[in-house]
Amino acid sequence: MLIPLLVLVLNASVALASLALANCALASPANYTLQPASSVVGFETDFGSDKITGQMPISRADLTLDFQNVSASRVAVTLDVAHADASFPFAAQAMKGPKVLDSRDFPHISFESTSVKSKGEGAEVSGRVTIRGVTKPMVMQAMIWRQKGHEAGDLSHLTIRLTGALNRSDFGAVGWSDMVGDQVRLDILARIARSE
């Protein structure tokens, strides 16, 4: 259930994935904003032989992508824990409750990138994620593409896919560990637009 925090890294993947588009150079670093209506921040964890899935809204995202020098890209994201949702009501309540994410005392999850580098056909974004007041390192894999309808070389509207996993116990989110898996897996699809 703690996986939602990985959503933060998703935005970082934008920076990393920019390597895949490095041949479409920009003159300088560019700022991007999230298009929340067409973005999905999803998570999944084991629940016995089933899965719990869900989403968590992004309340703030600051993205700077440098297509000529990917390592200069930066990402900072804040998630809204109080409005997270899960595949069934009990899971959503439990996830936001004091034994897991504790949305009352810790209403936000945050992620800040520390490095972005190319890896294969995509990128790798390393950073620090803070959940329940505990900060740990995190690494996500990212891919980036132009959105449909945009010509080659047009980097004004991009789609990013970010994947990764974390253990909720690392952040003290240990509630219902006899029923719910420790590992939380992320598969995030985000659409971003260049700020003018």
N, C-alpha and C. Protein backbone atom coordinates (compact mmCIF):
# COMPACT_ATOMS: atom_id res chain seq x y z
N MET A 1 0.82 -1.20 0.00
CA MET A 1 0.00 0.00 0.00
C MET A 1 0.86 1.25 0.00
N LEU A 2 2.08 1.13 0.40
CA LEU A 2 2.97 2.28 0.48
C LEU A 2 3.46 2.70 -0.88
N ILE A 3 3.26 1.89 -1.85
CA ILE A 3 3.78 2.13 -3.19
C ILE A 3 3.40 3.48 -3.77
N PRO A 4 2.31 4.07 -3.40
CA PRO A 4 1.94 5.33 -4.02
C PRO A 4 3.05 6.34 -3.99
N LEU A 5 3.93 6.27 -3.03
CA LEU A 5 4.97 7.25 -2.95
C LEU A 5 5.88 7.17 -4.16
N LEU A 6 5.95 6.06 -4.77
CA LEU A 6 6.80 5.92 -5.94
C LEU A 6 6.31 6.80 -7.06
N VAL A 7 5.10 7.18 -6.98
CA VAL A 7 4.53 8.03 -8.00
C VAL A 7 5.39 9.26 -8.18
N LEU A 8 5.99 9.68 -7.12
CA LEU A 8 6.83 10.85 -7.16
C LEU A 8 7.94 10.67 -8.17
N VAL A 9 8.51 9.50 -8.15
CA VAL A 9 9.62 9.24 -9.02
C VAL A 9 9.21 9.31 -10.46
N LEU A 10 7.98 9.09 -10.69
CA LEU A 10 7.48 9.11 -12.05
C LEU A 10 7.89 10.38 -12.75
N ASN A 11 7.75 11.49 -12.09
CA ASN A 11 8.11 12.75 -12.70
C ASN A 11 9.60 12.80 -12.94
N ALA A 12 10.34 12.17 -12.05
CA ALA A 12 11.77 12.13 -12.24
C ALA A 12 12.09 11.38 -13.51
N SER A 13 11.29 10.40 -13.82
CA SER A 13 11.54 9.61 -15.01
C SER A 13 11.48 10.47 -16.25
N VAL A 14 10.72 11.51 -16.19
CA VAL A 14 10.63 12.42 -17.31
C VAL A 14 12.02 12.93 -17.64
N ALA A 15 12.74 13.30 -16.60
CA ALA A 15 14.07 13.83 -16.81
C ALA A 15 14.98 12.76 -17.38
N LEU A 16 14.89 11.59 -16.83
CA LEU A 16 15.76 10.51 -17.25
C LEU A 16 15.44 10.09 -18.67
N ALA A 17 14.20 9.92 -18.94
CA ALA A 17 13.77 9.46 -20.24
C ALA A 17 14.15 10.45 -21.32
N SER A 18 14.45 11.64 -20.92
CA SER A 18 14.81 12.64 -21.91
C SER A 18 16.02 12.20 -22.72
N LEU A 19 16.78 11.29 -22.19
CA LEU A 19 17.93 10.78 -22.92
C LEU A 19 17.49 10.14 -24.23
N ALA A 20 16.37 9.49 -24.20
CA ALA A 20 15.87 8.83 -25.40
C ALA A 20 15.58 9.83 -26.51
N LEU A 21 15.40 11.09 -26.13
CA LEU A 21 15.12 12.13 -27.12
C LEU A 21 16.29 13.10 -27.27
N ALA A 22 17.44 12.68 -26.80
CA ALA A 22 18.58 13.59 -26.80
C ALA A 22 18.93 14.11 -28.18
N ASN A 23 18.60 13.34 -29.20
CA ASN A 23 18.92 13.79 -30.55
C ASN A 23 18.04 14.95 -30.98
N CYS A 24 16.96 15.22 -30.22
CA CYS A 24 16.09 16.37 -30.50
C CYS A 24 16.47 17.48 -29.53
N ALA A 25 17.60 18.07 -29.74
CA ALA A 25 18.17 18.98 -28.75
C ALA A 25 17.39 20.29 -28.58
N LEU A 26 17.39 20.75 -27.33
CA LEU A 26 16.86 22.08 -26.99
C LEU A 26 18.07 22.95 -26.68
N ALA A 27 17.92 24.24 -26.84
CA ALA A 27 19.04 25.14 -26.61
C ALA A 27 19.41 25.24 -25.15
N SER A 28 18.48 25.01 -24.24
CA SER A 28 18.75 25.15 -22.82
C SER A 28 17.75 24.30 -22.03
N PRO A 29 17.96 24.20 -20.72
CA PRO A 29 17.00 23.44 -19.91
C PRO A 29 15.60 24.02 -20.07
N ALA A 30 14.58 23.14 -20.04
CA ALA A 30 13.20 23.56 -20.21
C ALA A 30 12.37 23.08 -19.02
N ASN A 31 11.45 23.92 -18.59
CA ASN A 31 10.55 23.56 -17.50
C ASN A 31 9.29 22.93 -18.07
N TYR A 32 8.78 21.90 -17.38
CA TYR A 32 7.57 21.19 -17.80
C TYR A 32 6.58 21.16 -16.65
N THR A 33 5.30 21.08 -17.02
CA THR A 33 4.25 20.94 -16.03
C THR A 33 3.47 19.66 -16.32
N LEU A 34 2.96 19.06 -15.28
CA LEU A 34 2.18 17.84 -15.40
C LEU A 34 0.79 18.16 -15.95
N GLN A 35 0.28 17.30 -16.82
CA GLN A 35 -1.10 17.38 -17.30
C GLN A 35 -1.89 16.33 -16.51
N PRO A 36 -2.40 16.71 -15.34
CA PRO A 36 -2.99 15.73 -14.43
C PRO A 36 -4.19 14.98 -14.99
N ALA A 37 -5.00 15.61 -15.82
CA ALA A 37 -6.20 14.96 -16.34
C ALA A 37 -5.87 13.77 -17.24
N SER A 38 -4.68 13.75 -17.83
CA SER A 38 -4.32 12.66 -18.73
C SER A 38 -3.12 11.86 -18.21
N SER A 39 -2.90 11.92 -16.90
CA SER A 39 -1.81 11.18 -16.28
C SER A 39 -2.37 10.19 -15.26
N VAL A 40 -1.71 9.05 -15.14
CA VAL A 40 -2.15 8.01 -14.21
C VAL A 40 -0.97 7.60 -13.35
N VAL A 41 -1.12 7.76 -12.03
CA VAL A 41 -0.10 7.32 -11.08
C VAL A 41 -0.68 6.10 -10.38
N GLY A 42 -0.19 4.95 -10.77
CA GLY A 42 -0.76 3.72 -10.24
C GLY A 42 0.21 2.92 -9.40
N PHE A 43 -0.36 2.07 -8.54
CA PHE A 43 0.46 1.19 -7.71
C PHE A 43 -0.24 -0.15 -7.56
N GLU A 44 0.54 -1.15 -7.16
CA GLU A 44 0.01 -2.50 -6.96
C GLU A 44 0.82 -3.20 -5.87
N THR A 45 0.12 -3.95 -5.03
CA THR A 45 0.79 -4.77 -4.03
C THR A 45 0.00 -6.06 -3.85
N ASP A 46 0.62 -7.05 -3.27
CA ASP A 46 -0.05 -8.34 -3.10
C ASP A 46 -1.01 -8.32 -1.91
N PHE A 47 -2.11 -9.02 -2.08
CA PHE A 47 -3.11 -9.18 -1.03
C PHE A 47 -3.53 -10.65 -1.06
N GLY A 48 -2.76 -11.48 -0.39
CA GLY A 48 -2.96 -12.92 -0.50
C GLY A 48 -2.67 -13.35 -1.92
N SER A 49 -3.62 -14.06 -2.54
CA SER A 49 -3.45 -14.47 -3.93
C SER A 49 -3.96 -13.41 -4.90
N ASP A 50 -4.49 -12.32 -4.39
CA ASP A 50 -5.00 -11.21 -5.21
C ASP A 50 -4.04 -10.03 -5.18
N LYS A 51 -4.48 -8.93 -5.79
CA LYS A 51 -3.70 -7.70 -5.82
C LYS A 51 -4.55 -6.54 -5.32
N ILE A 52 -3.91 -5.58 -4.70
CA ILE A 52 -4.54 -4.30 -4.39
C ILE A 52 -3.92 -3.30 -5.36
N THR A 53 -4.75 -2.56 -6.06
CA THR A 53 -4.27 -1.53 -6.98
C THR A 53 -4.85 -0.19 -6.54
N GLY A 54 -4.27 0.88 -7.03
CA GLY A 54 -4.79 2.19 -6.66
C GLY A 54 -4.08 3.32 -7.36
N GLN A 55 -4.49 4.54 -6.97
CA GLN A 55 -3.93 5.77 -7.53
C GLN A 55 -3.73 6.79 -6.42
N MET A 56 -2.83 7.74 -6.68
CA MET A 56 -2.60 8.84 -5.74
C MET A 56 -2.40 10.11 -6.55
N PRO A 57 -3.15 11.17 -6.22
CA PRO A 57 -2.99 12.42 -6.97
C PRO A 57 -1.66 13.13 -6.69
N ILE A 58 -1.19 13.84 -7.69
CA ILE A 58 0.01 14.66 -7.54
C ILE A 58 -0.44 16.08 -7.24
N SER A 59 0.00 16.63 -6.12
CA SER A 59 -0.41 17.99 -5.77
C SER A 59 0.56 19.05 -6.30
N ARG A 60 1.80 18.65 -6.58
CA ARG A 60 2.77 19.61 -7.11
C ARG A 60 3.87 18.86 -7.83
N ALA A 61 4.33 19.40 -8.96
CA ALA A 61 5.43 18.79 -9.71
C ALA A 61 6.25 19.89 -10.36
N ASP A 62 7.53 19.92 -10.07
CA ASP A 62 8.47 20.86 -10.68
C ASP A 62 9.48 20.05 -11.49
N LEU A 63 9.46 20.24 -12.81
CA LEU A 63 10.32 19.45 -13.70
C LEU A 63 11.16 20.36 -14.58
N THR A 64 12.45 20.11 -14.59
CA THR A 64 13.35 20.81 -15.50
C THR A 64 14.11 19.74 -16.28
N LEU A 65 13.96 19.74 -17.61
CA LEU A 65 14.62 18.75 -18.45
C LEU A 65 15.65 19.43 -19.34
N ASP A 66 16.82 18.85 -19.36
CA ASP A 66 17.89 19.35 -20.21
C ASP A 66 18.23 18.24 -21.21
N PHE A 67 17.83 18.42 -22.46
CA PHE A 67 17.99 17.38 -23.47
C PHE A 67 19.41 17.30 -24.01
N GLN A 68 20.24 18.31 -23.76
CA GLN A 68 21.63 18.27 -24.19
C GLN A 68 22.53 17.72 -23.09
N ASN A 69 22.13 17.94 -21.85
CA ASN A 69 22.90 17.48 -20.70
C ASN A 69 21.93 16.86 -19.70
N VAL A 70 21.57 15.59 -19.93
CA VAL A 70 20.53 14.93 -19.14
C VAL A 70 20.83 14.98 -17.64
N SER A 71 22.08 14.93 -17.27
CA SER A 71 22.43 14.93 -15.85
C SER A 71 22.04 16.24 -15.17
N ALA A 72 21.75 17.29 -15.94
CA ALA A 72 21.33 18.57 -15.36
C ALA A 72 19.82 18.64 -15.14
N SER A 73 19.09 17.60 -15.52
CA SER A 73 17.64 17.57 -15.31
C SER A 73 17.32 17.40 -13.83
N ARG A 74 16.21 18.00 -13.42
CA ARG A 74 15.81 17.96 -12.01
C ARG A 74 14.31 17.72 -11.90
N VAL A 75 13.91 16.98 -10.86
CA VAL A 75 12.50 16.68 -10.63
C VAL A 75 12.18 16.78 -9.14
N ALA A 76 11.06 17.41 -8.84
CA ALA A 76 10.56 17.44 -7.46
C ALA A 76 9.05 17.27 -7.53
N VAL A 77 8.53 16.31 -6.78
CA VAL A 77 7.11 15.99 -6.84
C VAL A 77 6.54 15.82 -5.44
N THR A 78 5.30 16.27 -5.26
CA THR A 78 4.60 16.09 -3.99
C THR A 78 3.28 15.40 -4.26
N LEU A 79 2.98 14.35 -3.50
CA LEU A 79 1.74 13.59 -3.64
C LEU A 79 0.77 13.90 -2.50
N ASP A 80 -0.50 13.81 -2.82
CA ASP A 80 -1.58 14.07 -1.87
C ASP A 80 -2.07 12.74 -1.29
N VAL A 81 -1.57 12.38 -0.12
CA VAL A 81 -1.90 11.09 0.50
C VAL A 81 -3.38 11.02 0.88
N ALA A 82 -3.93 12.12 1.35
CA ALA A 82 -5.32 12.12 1.84
C ALA A 82 -6.33 11.74 0.76
N HIS A 83 -6.00 11.97 -0.51
CA HIS A 83 -6.93 11.68 -1.60
C HIS A 83 -6.53 10.45 -2.42
N ALA A 84 -5.69 9.62 -1.84
CA ALA A 84 -5.32 8.36 -2.50
C ALA A 84 -6.52 7.44 -2.54
N ASP A 85 -6.56 6.58 -3.54
CA ASP A 85 -7.67 5.64 -3.68
C ASP A 85 -7.11 4.26 -3.97
N ALA A 86 -7.88 3.24 -3.61
CA ALA A 86 -7.47 1.85 -3.84
C ALA A 86 -8.63 1.07 -4.42
N SER A 87 -8.35 -0.16 -4.84
CA SER A 87 -9.33 -0.96 -5.57
C SER A 87 -10.55 -1.39 -4.76
N PHE A 88 -10.48 -1.28 -3.44
CA PHE A 88 -11.68 -1.49 -2.65
C PHE A 88 -11.60 -0.63 -1.39
N PRO A 89 -12.77 -0.20 -0.85
CA PRO A 89 -12.81 0.79 0.24
C PRO A 89 -11.94 0.48 1.44
N PHE A 90 -11.94 -0.78 1.92
CA PHE A 90 -11.14 -1.09 3.09
C PHE A 90 -9.66 -0.82 2.83
N ALA A 91 -9.19 -1.17 1.65
CA ALA A 91 -7.77 -0.97 1.32
C ALA A 91 -7.42 0.51 1.32
N ALA A 92 -8.32 1.36 0.79
CA ALA A 92 -8.06 2.80 0.77
C ALA A 92 -7.99 3.35 2.19
N GLN A 93 -8.93 2.96 3.04
CA GLN A 93 -8.92 3.42 4.43
C GLN A 93 -7.67 2.95 5.15
N ALA A 94 -7.34 1.68 4.98
CA ALA A 94 -6.17 1.13 5.65
C ALA A 94 -4.89 1.81 5.19
N MET A 95 -4.78 2.06 3.88
CA MET A 95 -3.59 2.69 3.32
C MET A 95 -3.37 4.09 3.90
N LYS A 96 -4.45 4.85 4.09
CA LYS A 96 -4.33 6.22 4.60
C LYS A 96 -4.29 6.28 6.12
N GLY A 97 -4.58 5.16 6.77
CA GLY A 97 -4.64 5.11 8.23
C GLY A 97 -3.28 5.14 8.91
N PRO A 98 -3.28 5.19 10.25
CA PRO A 98 -2.04 5.35 11.02
C PRO A 98 -1.06 4.18 10.91
N LYS A 99 -1.53 3.00 10.51
CA LYS A 99 -0.63 1.85 10.43
C LYS A 99 0.12 1.76 9.11
N VAL A 100 -0.31 2.57 8.13
CA VAL A 100 0.37 2.51 6.83
C VAL A 100 0.90 3.92 6.50
N LEU A 101 0.19 4.72 5.71
CA LEU A 101 0.72 6.03 5.30
C LEU A 101 0.45 7.14 6.30
N ASP A 102 -0.51 6.96 7.20
CA ASP A 102 -0.80 7.94 8.25
C ASP A 102 -1.01 9.34 7.67
N SER A 103 -2.06 9.46 6.84
CA SER A 103 -2.30 10.73 6.13
C SER A 103 -2.62 11.89 7.07
N ARG A 104 -3.06 11.60 8.28
CA ARG A 104 -3.36 12.69 9.23
C ARG A 104 -2.08 13.42 9.65
N ASP A 105 -1.08 12.65 10.03
CA ASP A 105 0.19 13.26 10.47
C ASP A 105 1.17 13.51 9.34
N PHE A 106 1.01 12.76 8.23
CA PHE A 106 1.92 12.90 7.08
C PHE A 106 1.09 12.99 5.80
N PRO A 107 0.49 14.15 5.54
CA PRO A 107 -0.44 14.29 4.40
C PRO A 107 0.21 14.26 3.02
N HIS A 108 1.54 14.29 2.96
CA HIS A 108 2.22 14.33 1.66
C HIS A 108 3.35 13.30 1.59
N ILE A 109 3.59 12.87 0.39
CA ILE A 109 4.78 12.08 0.05
C ILE A 109 5.56 12.94 -0.93
N SER A 110 6.87 13.00 -0.78
CA SER A 110 7.66 13.83 -1.69
C SER A 110 8.83 13.05 -2.27
N PHE A 111 9.21 13.49 -3.46
CA PHE A 111 10.37 12.90 -4.14
C PHE A 111 11.19 14.02 -4.75
N GLU A 112 12.51 13.94 -4.58
CA GLU A 112 13.45 14.88 -5.20
C GLU A 112 14.55 14.09 -5.86
N SER A 113 14.79 14.38 -7.13
CA SER A 113 15.85 13.67 -7.83
C SER A 113 17.22 14.14 -7.36
N THR A 114 18.17 13.21 -7.37
CA THR A 114 19.56 13.54 -7.05
C THR A 114 20.47 13.31 -8.26
N SER A 115 20.02 12.44 -9.19
CA SER A 115 20.78 12.25 -10.42
C SER A 115 19.89 11.63 -11.49
N VAL A 116 20.20 11.97 -12.73
CA VAL A 116 19.49 11.42 -13.88
C VAL A 116 20.55 10.98 -14.88
N LYS A 117 20.42 9.75 -15.38
CA LYS A 117 21.40 9.28 -16.35
C LYS A 117 20.73 8.33 -17.33
N SER A 118 21.32 8.24 -18.53
CA SER A 118 20.75 7.36 -19.53
C SER A 118 21.06 5.91 -19.19
N LYS A 119 20.15 5.04 -19.61
CA LYS A 119 20.34 3.61 -19.37
C LYS A 119 19.61 2.86 -20.47
N GLY A 120 20.36 2.16 -21.33
CA GLY A 120 19.75 1.46 -22.45
C GLY A 120 19.00 2.43 -23.34
N GLU A 121 17.75 2.11 -23.64
CA GLU A 121 16.92 2.99 -24.48
C GLU A 121 16.14 3.99 -23.64
N GLY A 122 16.32 3.97 -22.34
CA GLY A 122 15.59 4.87 -21.46
C GLY A 122 16.53 5.61 -20.53
N ALA A 123 16.06 5.77 -19.30
CA ALA A 123 16.85 6.52 -18.34
C ALA A 123 16.63 5.95 -16.94
N GLU A 124 17.49 6.36 -16.04
CA GLU A 124 17.38 5.95 -14.64
C GLU A 124 17.41 7.22 -13.81
N VAL A 125 16.42 7.35 -12.93
CA VAL A 125 16.33 8.52 -12.06
C VAL A 125 16.54 8.08 -10.63
N SER A 126 17.56 8.62 -10.00
CA SER A 126 17.83 8.34 -8.59
C SER A 126 17.39 9.55 -7.79
N GLY A 127 16.92 9.31 -6.59
CA GLY A 127 16.49 10.42 -5.76
C GLY A 127 16.20 10.00 -4.34
N ARG A 128 15.55 10.93 -3.62
CA ARG A 128 15.18 10.69 -2.23
C ARG A 128 13.67 10.80 -2.12
N VAL A 129 13.04 9.78 -1.53
CA VAL A 129 11.59 9.80 -1.33
C VAL A 129 11.34 9.86 0.17
N THR A 130 10.37 10.68 0.55
CA THR A 130 10.03 10.83 1.96
C THR A 130 8.59 10.37 2.18
N ILE A 131 8.44 9.38 3.04
CA ILE A 131 7.13 8.82 3.38
C ILE A 131 7.07 8.70 4.90
N ARG A 132 5.98 9.17 5.49
CA ARG A 132 5.82 9.10 6.95
C ARG A 132 7.00 9.76 7.67
N GLY A 133 7.58 10.79 7.07
CA GLY A 133 8.70 11.49 7.68
C GLY A 133 10.03 10.77 7.57
N VAL A 134 10.06 9.63 6.87
CA VAL A 134 11.29 8.86 6.69
C VAL A 134 11.77 9.05 5.25
N THR A 135 13.03 9.42 5.09
CA THR A 135 13.59 9.65 3.76
C THR A 135 14.56 8.53 3.41
N LYS A 136 14.37 7.96 2.22
CA LYS A 136 15.21 6.86 1.75
C LYS A 136 15.57 7.09 0.28
N PRO A 137 16.67 6.51 -0.19
CA PRO A 137 17.00 6.61 -1.61
C PRO A 137 16.05 5.75 -2.44
N MET A 138 15.83 6.17 -3.68
CA MET A 138 14.96 5.40 -4.58
C MET A 138 15.46 5.54 -6.01
N VAL A 139 15.31 4.47 -6.78
CA VAL A 139 15.73 4.48 -8.18
C VAL A 139 14.56 3.99 -9.02
N MET A 140 14.24 4.72 -10.11
CA MET A 140 13.16 4.34 -11.02
C MET A 140 13.69 4.25 -12.45
N GLN A 141 13.07 3.39 -13.24
CA GLN A 141 13.40 3.25 -14.65
C GLN A 141 12.38 4.05 -15.46
N ALA A 142 12.84 4.75 -16.49
CA ALA A 142 11.95 5.63 -17.23
C ALA A 142 12.13 5.53 -18.74
N MET A 143 11.03 5.78 -19.41
CA MET A 143 11.02 5.90 -20.88
C MET A 143 10.21 7.14 -21.20
N ILE A 144 10.53 7.79 -22.32
CA ILE A 144 9.81 9.01 -22.70
C ILE A 144 9.55 9.03 -24.20
N TRP A 145 8.39 9.55 -24.57
CA TRP A 145 8.00 9.65 -25.98
C TRP A 145 7.30 10.97 -26.23
N ARG A 146 7.27 11.37 -27.51
CA ARG A 146 6.43 12.51 -27.90
C ARG A 146 4.98 12.07 -27.84
N GLN A 147 4.08 12.96 -27.48
CA GLN A 147 2.66 12.63 -27.49
C GLN A 147 2.17 12.54 -28.93
N LYS A 148 1.13 11.75 -29.16
CA LYS A 148 0.56 11.60 -30.50
C LYS A 148 0.17 12.95 -31.05
N GLY A 149 0.38 13.09 -32.36
CA GLY A 149 0.01 14.33 -33.02
C GLY A 149 1.11 15.38 -33.04
N HIS A 150 2.27 15.06 -32.46
CA HIS A 150 3.39 16.01 -32.44
C HIS A 150 4.52 15.48 -33.33
N GLU A 151 5.07 16.35 -34.14
CA GLU A 151 6.08 15.95 -35.12
C GLU A 151 7.42 15.65 -34.48
N ALA A 152 8.25 14.92 -35.22
CA ALA A 152 9.60 14.60 -34.76
C ALA A 152 10.33 15.89 -34.41
N GLY A 153 11.01 15.90 -33.28
CA GLY A 153 11.74 17.08 -32.85
C GLY A 153 10.92 18.02 -31.99
N ASP A 154 9.59 17.83 -31.94
CA ASP A 154 8.72 18.67 -31.11
C ASP A 154 8.67 18.07 -29.71
N LEU A 155 9.32 18.72 -28.76
CA LEU A 155 9.38 18.23 -27.38
C LEU A 155 8.45 19.01 -26.46
N SER A 156 7.44 19.65 -27.02
CA SER A 156 6.54 20.47 -26.21
C SER A 156 5.58 19.64 -25.38
N HIS A 157 5.21 18.45 -25.86
CA HIS A 157 4.28 17.58 -25.15
C HIS A 157 4.85 16.16 -25.14
N LEU A 158 5.12 15.64 -23.94
CA LEU A 158 5.77 14.35 -23.81
C LEU A 158 4.96 13.40 -22.94
N THR A 159 5.17 12.12 -23.16
CA THR A 159 4.57 11.07 -22.33
C THR A 159 5.71 10.29 -21.69
N ILE A 160 5.59 10.04 -20.39
CA ILE A 160 6.63 9.35 -19.64
C ILE A 160 6.05 8.13 -18.97
N ARG A 161 6.77 7.03 -19.02
CA ARG A 161 6.37 5.84 -18.27
C ARG A 161 7.49 5.51 -17.30
N LEU A 162 7.11 5.36 -16.05
CA LEU A 162 8.07 5.11 -14.98
C LEU A 162 7.68 3.83 -14.25
N THR A 163 8.66 2.97 -14.00
CA THR A 163 8.40 1.74 -13.26
C THR A 163 9.43 1.56 -12.15
N GLY A 164 9.01 0.91 -11.09
CA GLY A 164 9.91 0.66 -9.98
C GLY A 164 9.17 -0.01 -8.84
N ALA A 165 9.85 -0.22 -7.74
CA ALA A 165 9.24 -0.86 -6.57
C ALA A 165 9.95 -0.41 -5.31
N LEU A 166 9.25 -0.55 -4.17
CA LEU A 166 9.86 -0.26 -2.88
C LEU A 166 9.20 -1.13 -1.83
N ASN A 167 9.83 -1.22 -0.68
CA ASN A 167 9.28 -1.97 0.44
C ASN A 167 8.69 -0.99 1.44
N ARG A 168 7.41 -1.13 1.74
CA ARG A 168 6.74 -0.19 2.63
C ARG A 168 7.29 -0.27 4.04
N SER A 169 7.80 -1.43 4.45
CA SER A 169 8.36 -1.56 5.79
C SER A 169 9.57 -0.65 6.02
N ASP A 170 10.27 -0.28 4.94
CA ASP A 170 11.42 0.62 5.07
C ASP A 170 11.02 1.99 5.60
N PHE A 171 9.72 2.30 5.49
CA PHE A 171 9.22 3.61 5.91
C PHE A 171 8.31 3.50 7.14
N GLY A 172 8.32 2.35 7.76
CA GLY A 172 7.50 2.16 8.95
C GLY A 172 6.03 1.92 8.66
N ALA A 173 5.67 1.67 7.41
CA ALA A 173 4.29 1.41 7.02
C ALA A 173 4.03 -0.09 7.08
N VAL A 174 3.96 -0.62 8.28
CA VAL A 174 3.95 -2.07 8.46
C VAL A 174 2.57 -2.66 8.77
N GLY A 175 1.53 -1.85 8.76
CA GLY A 175 0.20 -2.33 9.10
C GLY A 175 -0.27 -3.46 8.19
N TRP A 176 -0.96 -4.44 8.77
CA TRP A 176 -1.55 -5.56 8.07
C TRP A 176 -0.53 -6.36 7.25
N SER A 177 0.67 -6.46 7.78
CA SER A 177 1.73 -7.19 7.05
C SER A 177 1.42 -8.68 6.94
N ASP A 178 0.48 -9.19 7.76
CA ASP A 178 0.10 -10.60 7.66
C ASP A 178 -0.84 -10.84 6.47
N MET A 179 -1.42 -9.75 5.91
CA MET A 179 -2.36 -9.88 4.79
C MET A 179 -1.87 -9.20 3.51
N VAL A 180 -1.12 -8.12 3.68
CA VAL A 180 -0.71 -7.29 2.54
C VAL A 180 0.80 -7.39 2.34
N GLY A 181 1.22 -7.55 1.11
CA GLY A 181 2.64 -7.68 0.79
C GLY A 181 3.45 -6.45 1.16
N ASP A 182 4.74 -6.66 1.35
CA ASP A 182 5.64 -5.56 1.70
C ASP A 182 6.03 -4.75 0.46
N GLN A 183 6.24 -5.44 -0.65
CA GLN A 183 6.68 -4.74 -1.87
C GLN A 183 5.51 -4.04 -2.56
N VAL A 184 5.76 -2.80 -2.95
CA VAL A 184 4.78 -2.03 -3.71
C VAL A 184 5.39 -1.73 -5.07
N ARG A 185 4.64 -2.07 -6.14
CA ARG A 185 5.13 -1.89 -7.50
C ARG A 185 4.41 -0.72 -8.17
N LEU A 186 5.18 0.06 -8.89
CA LEU A 186 4.64 1.23 -9.58
C LEU A 186 4.71 1.07 -11.09
N ASP A 187 3.67 1.55 -11.74
CA ASP A 187 3.65 1.65 -13.21
C ASP A 187 2.92 2.95 -13.50
N ILE A 188 3.68 3.97 -13.80
CA ILE A 188 3.13 5.32 -13.91
C ILE A 188 3.21 5.83 -15.34
N LEU A 189 2.12 6.38 -15.81
CA LEU A 189 2.08 7.00 -17.13
C LEU A 189 1.72 8.46 -16.93
N ALA A 190 2.64 9.37 -17.28
CA ALA A 190 2.41 10.79 -17.07
C ALA A 190 2.58 11.56 -18.37
N ARG A 191 1.73 12.54 -18.56
CA ARG A 191 1.85 13.44 -19.71
C ARG A 191 2.23 14.82 -19.20
N ILE A 192 3.22 15.42 -19.88
CA ILE A 192 3.71 16.72 -19.44
C ILE A 192 3.77 17.67 -20.64
N ALA A 193 3.71 18.97 -20.33
CA ALA A 193 3.78 20.00 -21.37
C ALA A 193 4.84 21.02 -20.97
N ARG A 194 5.60 21.49 -21.97
CA ARG A 194 6.64 22.48 -21.70
C ARG A 194 6.01 23.80 -21.30
N SER A 195 6.54 24.40 -20.23
CA SER A 195 6.07 25.70 -19.77
C SER A 195 6.68 26.77 -20.65
N GLU A 196 5.93 27.82 -20.90
CA GLU A 196 6.45 28.93 -21.74
C GLU A 196 7.16 29.95 -20.88
